[in-house]
């Protein structure tokens, strides 16, 4: 397998220079198998989402799937820094049953020279009103330009959410605790990422979230966000994250069974990344 050969390094470096420089706000460097966050609601809240319970818990903390009450499907799109070669996309479906909620997801990041793909099969369950847990099996698949090869690896992730009080929640999530190897060249491994956080519901209208995310190879990120339910169908959101600093904001529309979310993150040097998400509950 011709994976990460030096003859390709310069081409990939040029194509992904903004990613190498800014790290997409996630502390990412040249590596495969990255677990990019998805979901426009969480993106608007600085991606402080380890305690949230919605369809995109399938990416942030599978424990949140246990609180989904109806079959839900969704799509997410992000244009990183307004560059047409740097996009993130995701699809997901969650199906609640008598034993818990099952989910499937597929997501990608990249361009014609480099693409990270993730495929996941998840299960989340609520154990009464105070505790939920979830787990997901993932296949990470990275493709490097035509004729230069590809590599894939299986791993897993999972987490828990505890309702400490009626208003205070705590969440913990770990991605790839087994340090799956993606390629032999340079001992390339899928990142291992730990997240923990709290959320507090001040009222029926105001939710505040904060968390710490730590890729074991890089400095920790601090993230915080707020959601304000301004009227019955409209939500306003804002957030911030560090390492590097991102300012985020957005809004959501709840139209009966359809939810539309719009958000934008702003990097002080690289510019804006617009995001869009749609959820439909059957």
C-alpha atoms as a PDB file:
ATOM      1  CA  UNK A   1       0.000   0.000   0.000  1.00  0.00           C
ATOM      2  CA  UNK A   2       1.433   3.329  -1.034  1.00  0.00           C
ATOM      3  CA  UNK A   3       0.194   5.253   1.996  1.00  0.00           C
ATOM      4  CA  UNK A   4       1.641   8.620   3.032  1.00  0.00           C
ATOM      5  CA  UNK A   5       4.617   8.211   0.674  1.00  0.00           C
ATOM      6  CA  UNK A   6       7.024  11.118   0.495  1.00  0.00           C
ATOM      7  CA  UNK A   7       6.316  11.583  -3.211  1.00  0.00           C
ATOM      8  CA  UNK A   8       2.754  12.575  -2.307  1.00  0.00           C
ATOM      9  CA  UNK A   9       3.483  14.569   0.810  1.00  0.00           C
ATOM     10  CA  UNK A  10       4.077  17.888  -0.948  1.00  0.00           C
ATOM     11  CA  UNK A  11       0.852  17.605  -2.972  1.00  0.00           C
ATOM     12  CA  UNK A  12      -1.222  16.826   0.092  1.00  0.00           C
ATOM     13  CA  UNK A  13       0.536  19.513   2.122  1.00  0.00           C
ATOM     14  CA  UNK A  14      -0.380  22.193  -0.426  1.00  0.00           C
ATOM     15  CA  UNK A  15      -3.970  20.945  -0.738  1.00  0.00           C
ATOM     16  CA  UNK A  16      -4.454  20.871   3.031  1.00  0.00           C
ATOM     17  CA  UNK A  17      -2.377  23.878   4.046  1.00  0.00           C
ATOM     18  CA  UNK A  18      -5.362  25.636   5.678  1.00  0.00           C
ATOM     19  CA  UNK A  19      -6.097  22.457   7.629  1.00  0.00           C
ATOM     20  CA  UNK A  20      -2.496  22.147   8.775  1.00  0.00           C
ATOM     21  CA  UNK A  21      -2.334  25.809   9.725  1.00  0.00           C
ATOM     22  CA  UNK A  22      -5.646  26.294  11.450  1.00  0.00           C
ATOM     23  CA  UNK A  23      -6.489  22.739  12.399  1.00  0.00           C
ATOM     24  CA  UNK A  24     -10.158  23.391  11.599  1.00  0.00           C
ATOM     25  CA  UNK A  25     -10.368  24.670  15.154  1.00  0.00           C
ATOM     26  CA  UNK A  26      -9.853  21.124  16.422  1.00  0.00           C
ATOM     27  CA  UNK A  27      -6.098  20.942  16.910  1.00  0.00           C
ATOM     28  CA  UNK A  28      -5.799  18.655  13.868  1.00  0.00           C
ATOM     29  CA  UNK A  29      -2.541  18.142  11.987  1.00  0.00           C
ATOM     30  CA  UNK A  30      -1.662  15.964   9.018  1.00  0.00           C
ATOM     31  CA  UNK A  31      -3.274  12.673   9.972  1.00  0.00           C
ATOM     32  CA  UNK A  32      -6.023  10.312   8.913  1.00  0.00           C
ATOM     33  CA  UNK A  33      -9.067   9.017  10.718  1.00  0.00           C
ATOM     34  CA  UNK A  34     -10.008  12.284  12.395  1.00  0.00           C
ATOM     35  CA  UNK A  35     -13.356  12.390  14.220  1.00  0.00           C
ATOM     36  CA  UNK A  36     -14.753  15.707  13.010  1.00  0.00           C
ATOM     37  CA  UNK A  37     -17.766  17.100  14.924  1.00  0.00           C
ATOM     38  CA  UNK A  38     -21.045  17.338  13.029  1.00  0.00           C
ATOM     39  CA  UNK A  39     -24.398  18.980  13.727  1.00  0.00           C
ATOM     40  CA  UNK A  40     -25.282  22.635  13.190  1.00  0.00           C
ATOM     41  CA  UNK A  41     -26.917  22.963  16.608  1.00  0.00           C
ATOM     42  CA  UNK A  42     -23.768  21.906  18.451  1.00  0.00           C
ATOM     43  CA  UNK A  43     -21.553  23.858  16.015  1.00  0.00           C
ATOM     44  CA  UNK A  44     -23.407  27.058  16.957  1.00  0.00           C
ATOM     45  CA  UNK A  45     -22.723  26.290  20.638  1.00  0.00           C
ATOM     46  CA  UNK A  46     -18.970  25.913  20.254  1.00  0.00           C
ATOM     47  CA  UNK A  47     -19.411  22.140  19.858  1.00  0.00           C
ATOM     48  CA  UNK A  48     -19.972  21.866  23.607  1.00  0.00           C
ATOM     49  CA  UNK A  49     -22.297  18.935  22.987  1.00  0.00           C
ATOM     50  CA  UNK A  50     -21.257  15.994  25.169  1.00  0.00           C
ATOM     51  CA  UNK A  51     -24.433  16.351  27.272  1.00  0.00           C
ATOM     52  CA  UNK A  52     -26.888  17.059  24.444  1.00  0.00           C
ATOM     53  CA  UNK A  53     -29.520  14.499  23.411  1.00  0.00           C
ATOM     54  CA  UNK A  54     -30.453  14.641  19.738  1.00  0.00           C
ATOM     55  CA  UNK A  55     -29.683  12.755  16.533  1.00  0.00           C
ATOM     56  CA  UNK A  56     -26.099  14.055  16.376  1.00  0.00           C
ATOM     57  CA  UNK A  57     -25.389  12.401  19.703  1.00  0.00           C
ATOM     58  CA  UNK A  58     -24.403   9.628  17.303  1.00  0.00           C
ATOM     59  CA  UNK A  59     -21.235  11.672  16.744  1.00  0.00           C
ATOM     60  CA  UNK A  60     -20.764  13.444  20.104  1.00  0.00           C
ATOM     61  CA  UNK A  61     -21.962  11.049  22.808  1.00  0.00           C
ATOM     62  CA  UNK A  62     -24.032   7.988  21.954  1.00  0.00           C
ATOM     63  CA  UNK A  63     -25.623   8.047  25.414  1.00  0.00           C
ATOM     64  CA  UNK A  64     -27.812  10.884  24.146  1.00  0.00           C
ATOM     65  CA  UNK A  65     -29.478   8.530  21.659  1.00  0.00           C
ATOM     66  CA  UNK A  66     -31.250   6.828  24.549  1.00  0.00           C
ATOM     67  CA  UNK A  67     -33.513   9.864  24.966  1.00  0.00           C
ATOM     68  CA  UNK A  68     -34.741   9.967  21.351  1.00  0.00           C
ATOM     69  CA  UNK A  69     -38.454   9.102  21.293  1.00  0.00           C
ATOM     70  CA  UNK A  70     -39.186   8.789  17.550  1.00  0.00           C
ATOM     71  CA  UNK A  71     -37.368   7.622  14.426  1.00  0.00           C
ATOM     72  CA  UNK A  72     -35.250  10.537  13.221  1.00  0.00           C
ATOM     73  CA  UNK A  73     -33.134  11.117  10.112  1.00  0.00           C
ATOM     74  CA  UNK A  74     -30.774  13.993   9.458  1.00  0.00           C
ATOM     75  CA  UNK A  75     -28.220  15.582   7.186  1.00  0.00           C
ATOM     76  CA  UNK A  76     -25.348  17.956   7.958  1.00  0.00           C
ATOM     77  CA  UNK A  77     -23.155  20.058   5.653  1.00  0.00           C
ATOM     78  CA  UNK A  78     -20.207  22.333   6.438  1.00  0.00           C
ATOM     79  CA  UNK A  79     -18.015  24.395   4.138  1.00  0.00           C
ATOM     80  CA  UNK A  80     -14.718  24.928   5.936  1.00  0.00           C
ATOM     81  CA  UNK A  81     -13.400  28.476   5.599  1.00  0.00           C
ATOM     82  CA  UNK A  82     -15.474  28.964   2.426  1.00  0.00           C
ATOM     83  CA  UNK A  83     -13.099  26.730   0.431  1.00  0.00           C
ATOM     84  CA  UNK A  84     -14.863  24.515  -2.072  1.00  0.00           C
ATOM     85  CA  UNK A  85     -12.299  21.739  -1.573  1.00  0.00           C
ATOM     86  CA  UNK A  86     -12.753  21.511   2.202  1.00  0.00           C
ATOM     87  CA  UNK A  87     -16.172  20.189   3.115  1.00  0.00           C
ATOM     88  CA  UNK A  88     -17.725  18.062   5.837  1.00  0.00           C
ATOM     89  CA  UNK A  89     -20.916  16.101   5.291  1.00  0.00           C
ATOM     90  CA  UNK A  90     -22.876  13.582   7.337  1.00  0.00           C
ATOM     91  CA  UNK A  91     -26.018  11.466   7.267  1.00  0.00           C
ATOM     92  CA  UNK A  92     -27.593   9.708  10.246  1.00  0.00           C
ATOM     93  CA  UNK A  93     -30.682   7.755  11.250  1.00  0.00           C
ATOM     94  CA  UNK A  94     -31.798   6.809  14.775  1.00  0.00           C
ATOM     95  CA  UNK A  95     -34.517   4.237  15.491  1.00  0.00           C
ATOM     96  CA  UNK A  96     -35.862   3.839  19.047  1.00  0.00           C
ATOM     97  CA  UNK A  97     -37.008   0.366  20.119  1.00  0.00           C
ATOM     98  CA  UNK A  98     -38.198  -1.248  23.328  1.00  0.00           C
ATOM     99  CA  UNK A  99     -34.601  -2.161  24.211  1.00  0.00           C
ATOM    100  CA  UNK A 100     -32.944   1.138  23.287  1.00  0.00           C
ATOM    101  CA  UNK A 101     -32.132   3.332  20.302  1.00  0.00           C
ATOM    102  CA  UNK A 102     -30.146   2.048  17.325  1.00  0.00           C
ATOM    103  CA  UNK A 103     -28.400   4.416  14.935  1.00  0.00           C
ATOM    104  CA  UNK A 104     -26.322   4.413  11.767  1.00  0.00           C
ATOM    105  CA  UNK A 105     -24.174   7.222  10.430  1.00  0.00           C
ATOM    106  CA  UNK A 106     -21.795   8.055   7.596  1.00  0.00           C
ATOM    107  CA  UNK A 107     -19.640  11.173   7.384  1.00  0.00           C
ATOM    108  CA  UNK A 108     -16.701  12.534   5.443  1.00  0.00           C
ATOM    109  CA  UNK A 109     -14.181  15.353   5.286  1.00  0.00           C
ATOM    110  CA  UNK A 110     -11.941  16.218   2.376  1.00  0.00           C
ATOM    111  CA  UNK A 111     -11.368  16.930  -1.270  1.00  0.00           C
ATOM    112  CA  UNK A 112     -10.175  15.131  -4.402  1.00  0.00           C
ATOM    113  CA  UNK A 113      -6.681  14.575  -2.965  1.00  0.00           C
ATOM    114  CA  UNK A 114      -7.580  13.568   0.558  1.00  0.00           C
ATOM    115  CA  UNK A 115     -10.757  12.250   2.139  1.00  0.00           C
ATOM    116  CA  UNK A 116     -11.558  10.937   5.620  1.00  0.00           C
ATOM    117  CA  UNK A 117     -14.654   8.740   5.876  1.00  0.00           C
ATOM    118  CA  UNK A 118     -16.380   7.410   8.968  1.00  0.00           C
ATOM    119  CA  UNK A 119     -19.118   4.777   9.154  1.00  0.00           C
ATOM    120  CA  UNK A 120     -20.762   3.967  12.474  1.00  0.00           C
ATOM    121  CA  UNK A 121     -23.308   1.628  14.037  1.00  0.00           C
ATOM    122  CA  UNK A 122     -24.547   2.885  17.417  1.00  0.00           C
ATOM    123  CA  UNK A 123     -26.732   1.907  20.345  1.00  0.00           C
ATOM    124  CA  UNK A 124     -27.901   4.126  23.191  1.00  0.00           C
ATOM    125  CA  UNK A 125     -30.132   3.347  26.140  1.00  0.00           C
ATOM    126  CA  UNK A 126     -31.733   5.303  28.961  1.00  0.00           C
ATOM    127  CA  UNK A 127     -31.661   3.596  32.348  1.00  0.00           C
ATOM    128  CA  UNK A 128     -34.410   5.532  34.052  1.00  0.00           C
ATOM    129  CA  UNK A 129     -34.634   9.308  34.404  1.00  0.00           C
ATOM    130  CA  UNK A 130     -31.105   9.828  35.758  1.00  0.00           C
ATOM    131  CA  UNK A 131     -28.673   7.881  33.571  1.00  0.00           C
ATOM    132  CA  UNK A 132     -28.057   6.874  29.958  1.00  0.00           C
ATOM    133  CA  UNK A 133     -25.184   5.160  28.158  1.00  0.00           C
ATOM    134  CA  UNK A 134     -24.222   4.378  24.591  1.00  0.00           C
ATOM    135  CA  UNK A 135     -21.609   2.731  22.404  1.00  0.00           C
ATOM    136  CA  UNK A 136     -20.708   2.789  18.712  1.00  0.00           C
ATOM    137  CA  UNK A 137     -18.581   0.640  16.394  1.00  0.00           C
ATOM    138  CA  UNK A 138     -16.764   2.703  13.756  1.00  0.00           C
ATOM    139  CA  UNK A 139     -14.906   2.048  10.528  1.00  0.00           C
ATOM    140  CA  UNK A 140     -12.496   4.844   9.633  1.00  0.00           C
ATOM    141  CA  UNK A 141     -11.405   4.924   5.994  1.00  0.00           C
ATOM    142  CA  UNK A 142      -8.900   7.392   4.528  1.00  0.00           C
ATOM    143  CA  UNK A 143      -8.280   7.847   0.802  1.00  0.00           C
ATOM    144  CA  UNK A 144      -5.257   9.586  -0.689  1.00  0.00           C
ATOM    145  CA  UNK A 145      -5.414  10.729  -4.341  1.00  0.00           C
ATOM    146  CA  UNK A 146      -5.962   8.252  -7.153  1.00  0.00           C
ATOM    147  CA  UNK A 147      -3.315   5.510  -7.324  1.00  0.00           C
ATOM    148  CA  UNK A 148      -1.725   6.542  -4.021  1.00  0.00           C
ATOM    149  CA  UNK A 149      -3.659   4.139  -1.852  1.00  0.00           C
ATOM    150  CA  UNK A 150      -6.051   4.073   1.056  1.00  0.00           C
ATOM    151  CA  UNK A 151      -6.253   2.678   4.561  1.00  0.00           C
ATOM    152  CA  UNK A 152      -8.969   1.701   7.005  1.00  0.00           C
ATOM    153  CA  UNK A 153      -9.342   0.654  10.625  1.00  0.00           C
ATOM    154  CA  UNK A 154     -12.084  -0.428  13.003  1.00  0.00           C
ATOM    155  CA  UNK A 155     -12.482   1.204  16.390  1.00  0.00           C
ATOM    156  CA  UNK A 156     -15.211   2.098  18.868  1.00  0.00           C
ATOM    157  CA  UNK A 157     -16.444   4.944  21.026  1.00  0.00           C
ATOM    158  CA  UNK A 158     -18.935   5.429  23.828  1.00  0.00           C
ATOM    159  CA  UNK A 159     -20.114   7.577  26.666  1.00  0.00           C
ATOM    160  CA  UNK A 160     -22.501   8.229  29.526  1.00  0.00           C
ATOM    161  CA  UNK A 161     -24.806  11.083  30.557  1.00  0.00           C
ATOM    162  CA  UNK A 162     -25.963  11.542  34.149  1.00  0.00           C
ATOM    163  CA  UNK A 163     -28.784  13.831  35.273  1.00  0.00           C
ATOM    164  CA  UNK A 164     -27.291  14.999  38.547  1.00  0.00           C
ATOM    165  CA  UNK A 165     -30.371  17.111  39.249  1.00  0.00           C
ATOM    166  CA  UNK A 166     -33.405  18.058  37.198  1.00  0.00           C
ATOM    167  CA  UNK A 167     -31.390  20.945  35.734  1.00  0.00           C
ATOM    168  CA  UNK A 168     -27.751  19.810  35.859  1.00  0.00           C
ATOM    169  CA  UNK A 169     -26.292  17.156  33.523  1.00  0.00           C
ATOM    170  CA  UNK A 170     -22.807  15.670  33.256  1.00  0.00           C
ATOM    171  CA  UNK A 171     -21.435  13.795  30.251  1.00  0.00           C
ATOM    172  CA  UNK A 172     -18.292  11.812  29.451  1.00  0.00           C
ATOM    173  CA  UNK A 173     -17.265  10.394  26.075  1.00  0.00           C
ATOM    174  CA  UNK A 174     -14.198   8.578  24.712  1.00  0.00           C
ATOM    175  CA  UNK A 175     -13.367   8.011  21.056  1.00  0.00           C
ATOM    176  CA  UNK A 176     -10.933   5.259  20.001  1.00  0.00           C
ATOM    177  CA  UNK A 177      -9.587   4.173  23.407  1.00  0.00           C
ATOM    178  CA  UNK A 178      -7.761   1.255  21.741  1.00  0.00           C
ATOM    179  CA  UNK A 179      -5.511   3.502  19.583  1.00  0.00           C
ATOM    180  CA  UNK A 180      -6.354   1.725  16.324  1.00  0.00           C
ATOM    181  CA  UNK A 181      -3.585   1.794  13.732  1.00  0.00           C
ATOM    182  CA  UNK A 182      -4.524   3.263  10.357  1.00  0.00           C
ATOM    183  CA  UNK A 183      -1.234   2.608   8.531  1.00  0.00           C
ATOM    184  CA  UNK A 184       2.224   1.197   9.192  1.00  0.00           C
ATOM    185  CA  UNK A 185       3.951   4.217   7.673  1.00  0.00           C
ATOM    186  CA  UNK A 186       4.989   6.529  10.498  1.00  0.00           C
ATOM    187  CA  UNK A 187       2.843   4.405  12.848  1.00  0.00           C
ATOM    188  CA  UNK A 188      -0.240   6.346  11.731  1.00  0.00           C
ATOM    189  CA  UNK A 189      -3.069   5.899  14.258  1.00  0.00           C
ATOM    190  CA  UNK A 190      -6.639   7.055  14.617  1.00  0.00           C
ATOM    191  CA  UNK A 191      -6.716   9.848  17.251  1.00  0.00           C
ATOM    192  CA  UNK A 192      -7.870   9.063  20.778  1.00  0.00           C
ATOM    193  CA  UNK A 193     -10.138  11.813  22.095  1.00  0.00           C
ATOM    194  CA  UNK A 194     -11.600  12.292  25.583  1.00  0.00           C
ATOM    195  CA  UNK A 195     -14.460  14.671  26.375  1.00  0.00           C
ATOM    196  CA  UNK A 196     -16.237  15.630  29.583  1.00  0.00           C
ATOM    197  CA  UNK A 197     -18.670  18.407  30.322  1.00  0.00           C
ATOM    198  CA  UNK A 198     -21.664  19.861  32.121  1.00  0.00           C
ATOM    199  CA  UNK A 199     -24.888  21.536  31.056  1.00  0.00           C
ATOM    200  CA  UNK A 200     -27.359  23.527  33.102  1.00  0.00           C
ATOM    201  CA  UNK A 201     -30.957  24.347  32.204  1.00  0.00           C
ATOM    202  CA  UNK A 202     -31.689  27.706  33.810  1.00  0.00           C
ATOM    203  CA  UNK A 203     -35.280  27.709  32.563  1.00  0.00           C
ATOM    204  CA  UNK A 204     -37.405  26.322  29.759  1.00  0.00           C
ATOM    205  CA  UNK A 205     -35.763  28.949  27.548  1.00  0.00           C
ATOM    206  CA  UNK A 206     -32.068  28.928  28.500  1.00  0.00           C
ATOM    207  CA  UNK A 207     -29.527  26.085  28.286  1.00  0.00           C
ATOM    208  CA  UNK A 208     -25.780  26.548  28.965  1.00  0.00           C
ATOM    209  CA  UNK A 209     -23.112  23.933  28.150  1.00  0.00           C
ATOM    210  CA  UNK A 210     -19.371  23.714  28.838  1.00  0.00           C
ATOM    211  CA  UNK A 211     -16.832  20.962  28.285  1.00  0.00           C
ATOM    212  CA  UNK A 212     -13.187  20.011  27.917  1.00  0.00           C
ATOM    213  CA  UNK A 213     -11.926  17.993  24.944  1.00  0.00           C
ATOM    214  CA  UNK A 214      -8.500  16.336  24.937  1.00  0.00           C
ATOM    215  CA  UNK A 215      -6.838  14.598  22.026  1.00  0.00           C
ATOM    216  CA  UNK A 216      -4.136  12.655  23.864  1.00  0.00           C
ATOM    217  CA  UNK A 217      -1.514  13.970  21.425  1.00  0.00           C
ATOM    218  CA  UNK A 218      -2.436  17.667  21.665  1.00  0.00           C
ATOM    219  CA  UNK A 219      -3.401  20.405  24.097  1.00  0.00           C
ATOM    220  CA  UNK A 220      -6.889  20.420  25.589  1.00  0.00           C
ATOM    221  CA  UNK A 221      -9.729  22.467  24.105  1.00  0.00           C
ATOM    222  CA  UNK A 222     -12.235  24.404  26.212  1.00  0.00           C
ATOM    223  CA  UNK A 223     -15.721  24.847  24.737  1.00  0.00           C
ATOM    224  CA  UNK A 224     -18.860  26.615  25.911  1.00  0.00           C
ATOM    225  CA  UNK A 225     -22.224  27.494  24.423  1.00  0.00           C
ATOM    226  CA  UNK A 226     -25.674  28.833  25.154  1.00  0.00           C
ATOM    227  CA  UNK A 227     -29.085  28.156  23.610  1.00  0.00           C
ATOM    228  CA  UNK A 228     -31.997  30.555  24.027  1.00  0.00           C
ATOM    229  CA  UNK A 229     -35.494  29.368  23.060  1.00  0.00           C
ATOM    230  CA  UNK A 230     -36.707  32.795  22.024  1.00  0.00           C
ATOM    231  CA  UNK A 231     -40.198  31.770  20.827  1.00  0.00           C
ATOM    232  CA  UNK A 232     -41.939  28.452  20.218  1.00  0.00           C
ATOM    233  CA  UNK A 233     -40.346  27.751  16.818  1.00  0.00           C
ATOM    234  CA  UNK A 234     -37.055  29.676  17.085  1.00  0.00           C
ATOM    235  CA  UNK A 235     -33.792  29.020  18.945  1.00  0.00           C
ATOM    236  CA  UNK A 236     -30.807  31.383  19.148  1.00  0.00           C
ATOM    237  CA  UNK A 237     -27.345  29.967  19.899  1.00  0.00           C
ATOM    238  CA  UNK A 238     -23.791  31.169  20.486  1.00  0.00           C
ATOM    239  CA  UNK A 239     -20.530  29.697  21.698  1.00  0.00           C
ATOM    240  CA  UNK A 240     -16.753  29.785  21.848  1.00  0.00           C
ATOM    241  CA  UNK A 241     -13.915  27.273  21.794  1.00  0.00           C
ATOM    242  CA  UNK A 242     -10.157  27.505  22.311  1.00  0.00           C
ATOM    243  CA  UNK A 243      -7.013  26.078  20.745  1.00  0.00           C
ATOM    244  CA  UNK A 244      -7.424  27.822  18.374  1.00  0.00           C
ATOM    245  CA  UNK A 245     -10.104  30.350  19.266  1.00  0.00           C
ATOM    246  CA  UNK A 246     -13.403  30.015  17.402  1.00  0.00           C
ATOM    247  CA  UNK A 247     -16.462  32.200  17.849  1.00  0.00           C
ATOM    248  CA  UNK A 248     -19.727  30.519  16.887  1.00  0.00           C
ATOM    249  CA  UNK A 249     -23.365  31.480  16.525  1.00  0.00           C
ATOM    250  CA  UNK A 250     -26.533  30.325  14.798  1.00  0.00           C
ATOM    251  CA  UNK A 251     -30.253  29.708  15.030  1.00  0.00           C
ATOM    252  CA  UNK A 252     -32.729  26.865  14.726  1.00  0.00           C
ATOM    253  CA  UNK A 253     -36.258  26.582  13.364  1.00  0.00           C
ATOM    254  CA  UNK A 254     -38.647  23.916  14.652  1.00  0.00           C
ATOM    255  CA  UNK A 255     -41.424  23.295  12.125  1.00  0.00           C
ATOM    256  CA  UNK A 256     -43.497  20.448  13.552  1.00  0.00           C
ATOM    257  CA  UNK A 257     -41.575  17.299  12.525  1.00  0.00           C
ATOM    258  CA  UNK A 258     -38.838  19.195  10.659  1.00  0.00           C
ATOM    259  CA  UNK A 259     -35.971  21.018  12.359  1.00  0.00           C
ATOM    260  CA  UNK A 260     -33.603  23.294  10.448  1.00  0.00           C
ATOM    261  CA  UNK A 261     -30.359  24.538  11.978  1.00  0.00           C
ATOM    262  CA  UNK A 262     -28.016  27.202  10.620  1.00  0.00           C
ATOM    263  CA  UNK A 263     -24.684  28.135  12.162  1.00  0.00           C
ATOM    264  CA  UNK A 264     -21.307  29.731  11.477  1.00  0.00           C
ATOM    265  CA  UNK A 265     -17.931  29.447  13.149  1.00  0.00           C
ATOM    266  CA  UNK A 266     -15.358  32.217  12.791  1.00  0.00           C
ATOM    267  CA  UNK A 267     -11.593  31.729  12.914  1.00  0.00           C
ATOM    268  CA  UNK A 268      -9.804  35.043  13.376  1.00  0.00           C
ATOM    269  CA  UNK A 269      -7.263  34.249  10.653  1.00  0.00           C
ATOM    270  CA  UNK A 270      -8.876  31.768   8.269  1.00  0.00           C
ATOM    271  CA  UNK A 271     -12.388  33.210   8.207  1.00  0.00           C
ATOM    272  CA  UNK A 272     -15.853  31.704   8.426  1.00  0.00           C
ATOM    273  CA  UNK A 273     -17.221  28.171   8.088  1.00  0.00           C
ATOM    274  CA  UNK A 274     -20.987  28.033   7.457  1.00  0.00           C
ATOM    275  CA  UNK A 275     -22.943  24.956   8.593  1.00  0.00           C
ATOM    276  CA  UNK A 276     -26.410  23.636   7.870  1.00  0.00           C
ATOM    277  CA  UNK A 277     -28.389  20.769   9.337  1.00  0.00           C
ATOM    278  CA  UNK A 278     -31.857  19.298   8.903  1.00  0.00           C
ATOM    279  CA  UNK A 279     -33.623  16.729  11.097  1.00  0.00           C
ATOM    280  CA  UNK A 280     -36.924  14.999  10.414  1.00  0.00           C
ATOM    281  CA  UNK A 281     -38.817  12.994  13.033  1.00  0.00           C
ATOM    282  CA  UNK A 282     -41.202  10.385  11.659  1.00  0.00           C
END
